[in-house]
Protein backbone atom coordinates (compact mmCIF):
# COMPACT_ATOMS: atom_id res chain seq x y z
CA UNK A 1 6.10 -90.55 96.65
CA UNK A 2 2.29 -90.82 96.79
CA UNK A 3 1.99 -87.07 97.05
CA UNK A 4 4.03 -86.54 93.86
CA UNK A 5 1.75 -89.00 92.08
CA UNK A 6 -1.22 -86.85 93.13
CA UNK A 7 0.44 -83.70 91.78
CA UNK A 8 1.36 -85.43 88.53
CA UNK A 9 -2.22 -86.60 87.97
CA UNK A 10 -3.69 -83.26 89.07
CA UNK A 11 -1.56 -81.19 86.70
CA UNK A 12 -2.14 -83.66 83.87
CA UNK A 13 -5.91 -83.72 84.33
CA UNK A 14 -6.39 -79.97 84.90
CA UNK A 15 -6.49 -78.89 81.22
CA UNK A 16 -9.14 -81.52 80.54
CA UNK A 17 -11.51 -79.87 83.04
CA UNK A 18 -12.01 -76.73 80.97
CA UNK A 19 -11.99 -78.71 77.74
CA UNK A 20 -14.74 -80.97 79.04
CA UNK A 21 -16.78 -78.03 80.33
CA UNK A 22 -16.46 -76.27 76.97
CA UNK A 23 -17.67 -79.38 75.19
CA UNK A 24 -20.46 -80.03 77.68
CA UNK A 25 -21.85 -76.49 77.57
CA UNK A 26 -21.72 -76.31 73.77
CA UNK A 27 -22.46 -79.93 72.82
CA UNK A 28 -25.93 -79.11 71.45
CA UNK A 29 -24.71 -76.17 69.37
CA UNK A 30 -21.97 -78.10 67.59
CA UNK A 31 -24.06 -80.43 65.43
CA UNK A 32 -26.67 -77.80 64.57
CA UNK A 33 -24.89 -74.51 63.98
CA UNK A 34 -21.33 -75.67 63.24
CA UNK A 35 -22.40 -78.10 60.52
CA UNK A 36 -24.11 -75.25 58.64
CA UNK A 37 -20.98 -73.10 58.55
CA UNK A 38 -18.97 -72.88 55.37
CA UNK A 39 -15.65 -74.61 56.13
CA UNK A 40 -12.57 -75.25 53.98
CA UNK A 41 -11.98 -78.69 52.46
CA UNK A 42 -8.99 -79.19 54.78
CA UNK A 43 -11.11 -78.85 57.93
CA UNK A 44 -10.58 -81.98 60.06
CA UNK A 45 -13.64 -84.19 60.63
CA UNK A 46 -15.53 -83.43 63.83
CA UNK A 47 -14.62 -86.84 65.28
CA UNK A 48 -10.91 -85.91 65.28
CA UNK A 49 -11.28 -82.95 67.65
CA UNK A 50 -11.98 -84.83 70.92
CA UNK A 51 -9.15 -87.30 70.22
CA UNK A 52 -6.70 -84.51 69.37
CA UNK A 53 -7.63 -82.42 72.41
CA UNK A 54 -7.34 -85.41 74.75
CA UNK A 55 -3.78 -86.03 73.56
CA UNK A 56 -2.86 -82.32 73.55
CA UNK A 57 -4.35 -81.54 76.98
CA UNK A 58 -2.60 -84.58 78.48
CA UNK A 59 0.76 -83.52 77.04
CA UNK A 60 0.49 -79.91 78.11
CA UNK A 61 -0.83 -80.85 81.55
CA UNK A 62 2.05 -83.23 82.18
CA UNK A 63 4.49 -80.64 80.84
CA UNK A 64 3.13 -78.09 83.33
CA UNK A 65 3.77 -80.59 86.11
CA UNK A 66 7.39 -81.00 84.95
CA UNK A 67 7.93 -77.23 85.05
CA UNK A 68 6.21 -76.86 88.40
CA UNK A 69 8.28 -79.69 89.84
CA UNK A 70 11.58 -78.36 88.44
CA UNK A 71 10.88 -74.93 89.92
CA UNK A 72 10.18 -76.38 93.37
CA UNK A 73 6.42 -75.89 93.34
CA UNK A 74 4.71 -72.52 93.57
CA UNK A 75 7.89 -70.52 94.08
CA UNK A 76 8.59 -66.99 92.91
CA UNK A 77 10.50 -68.49 89.97
CA UNK A 78 7.27 -70.19 88.84
CA UNK A 79 5.17 -67.02 88.56
CA UNK A 80 6.03 -66.14 84.95
CA UNK A 81 6.26 -69.62 83.37
CA UNK A 82 3.17 -70.99 85.10
CA UNK A 83 1.38 -67.64 84.83
CA UNK A 84 1.84 -67.72 81.05
CA UNK A 85 0.60 -71.30 81.03
CA UNK A 86 -2.46 -70.41 83.13
CA UNK A 87 -3.27 -67.41 80.93
CA UNK A 88 -3.03 -69.41 77.70
CA UNK A 89 -5.10 -72.19 79.26
CA UNK A 90 -7.81 -69.67 80.21
CA UNK A 91 -7.89 -68.38 76.61
CA UNK A 92 -7.97 -71.96 75.35
CA UNK A 93 -11.02 -72.65 77.52
CA UNK A 94 -12.64 -69.35 76.46
CA UNK A 95 -12.56 -70.14 72.74
CA UNK A 96 -15.50 -72.64 72.63
CA UNK A 97 -17.90 -70.30 74.47
CA UNK A 98 -16.99 -67.47 72.06
CA UNK A 99 -17.18 -69.65 68.96
CA UNK A 100 -20.02 -72.07 69.74
CA UNK A 101 -21.86 -70.44 72.65
CA UNK A 102 -21.95 -66.80 71.54
CA UNK A 103 -21.35 -67.67 67.86
CA UNK A 104 -19.04 -64.68 67.84
CA UNK A 105 -16.46 -65.58 65.22
CA UNK A 106 -14.62 -62.27 65.60
CA UNK A 107 -14.15 -62.73 69.37
CA UNK A 108 -13.11 -66.35 68.80
CA UNK A 109 -10.51 -65.11 66.33
CA UNK A 110 -9.18 -62.44 68.71
CA UNK A 111 -9.08 -65.06 71.48
CA UNK A 112 -7.10 -67.61 69.44
CA UNK A 113 -4.61 -65.00 68.19
CA UNK A 114 -3.89 -63.99 71.81
CA UNK A 115 -3.79 -67.67 72.76
CA UNK A 116 -1.17 -68.30 70.06
CA UNK A 117 1.08 -65.57 71.47
CA UNK A 118 0.73 -66.81 75.04
CA UNK A 119 1.30 -70.45 74.05
CA UNK A 120 4.50 -69.50 72.20
CA UNK A 121 5.58 -67.42 75.21
CA UNK A 122 4.85 -70.38 77.49
CA UNK A 123 6.96 -72.72 75.38
CA UNK A 124 9.85 -70.24 75.22
CA UNK A 125 9.80 -69.68 78.98
CA UNK A 126 9.65 -73.44 79.64
CA UNK A 127 12.53 -74.25 77.30
CA UNK A 128 15.03 -72.79 79.78
CA UNK A 129 13.48 -74.77 82.65
CA UNK A 130 12.70 -78.16 81.12
CA UNK A 131 13.31 -78.91 77.45
CA UNK A 132 11.04 -81.97 77.50
CA UNK A 133 8.17 -79.84 78.83
CA UNK A 134 8.75 -77.32 76.05
CA UNK A 135 8.87 -80.07 73.42
CA UNK A 136 5.61 -81.51 74.75
CA UNK A 137 4.00 -78.22 73.65
CA UNK A 138 5.13 -78.56 70.03
CA UNK A 139 2.13 -80.69 68.93
CA UNK A 140 -0.16 -78.23 70.72
CA UNK A 141 1.38 -75.30 68.86
CA UNK A 142 1.00 -77.19 65.59
CA UNK A 143 -2.67 -77.86 66.31
CA UNK A 144 -3.17 -74.22 67.35
CA UNK A 145 -1.66 -73.09 64.04
CA UNK A 146 -4.19 -75.21 62.17
CA UNK A 147 -7.04 -74.09 64.47
CA UNK A 148 -6.06 -70.44 63.98
CA UNK A 149 -6.05 -70.81 60.18
CA UNK A 150 -9.40 -72.60 60.40
CA UNK A 151 -10.87 -69.88 62.61
CA UNK A 152 -9.67 -67.19 60.18
CA UNK A 153 -11.18 -69.03 57.21
CA UNK A 154 -14.51 -69.66 58.96
CA UNK A 155 -14.64 -66.01 60.10
CA UNK A 156 -13.93 -64.77 56.55
CA UNK A 157 -16.28 -67.24 54.81
CA UNK A 158 -19.23 -66.79 57.21
CA UNK A 159 -20.00 -63.08 57.62
CA UNK A 160 -21.87 -62.47 60.84
CA UNK A 161 -25.50 -61.51 60.46
CA UNK A 162 -26.48 -58.22 62.07
CA UNK A 163 -29.65 -58.41 64.18
CA UNK A 164 -32.71 -57.36 62.15
CA UNK A 165 -30.92 -57.68 58.81
CA UNK A 166 -31.90 -60.33 56.31
CA UNK A 167 -29.81 -61.46 53.37
């Protein structure tokens, strides 16, 4: 019983690790560079992002535990559904360094488009294993849709400066 509690907490906390690292490494860039970017009127306030990601990471982490548990742990049946989850989580964690760290809006856009596909694939593969786990990803997919549209708009509205060029 105690061991299952440890797994539940571990899976639930795992997504937060990369999210926290992404914030920590880019925390100085956000107020300076991000605030200067041209953003659409529908862009959520900066204060909303940590709250939203805390809720979303908790839901997806717990959902991953449900799938892992239903498949009997790290079995051969878990390779695809948890592999998709791990791949989308890696792309999720990679977005802040592309966007804020490297200030590479094009790479951030490519990253989030691939992330969208993997997140949808994850949800589809989980639906056949645990419908609650799949449904726990719905808010995440909704947020990703908004984040993708926001990334596209920011990329289009803020052309990247070429080194040595002044405008």
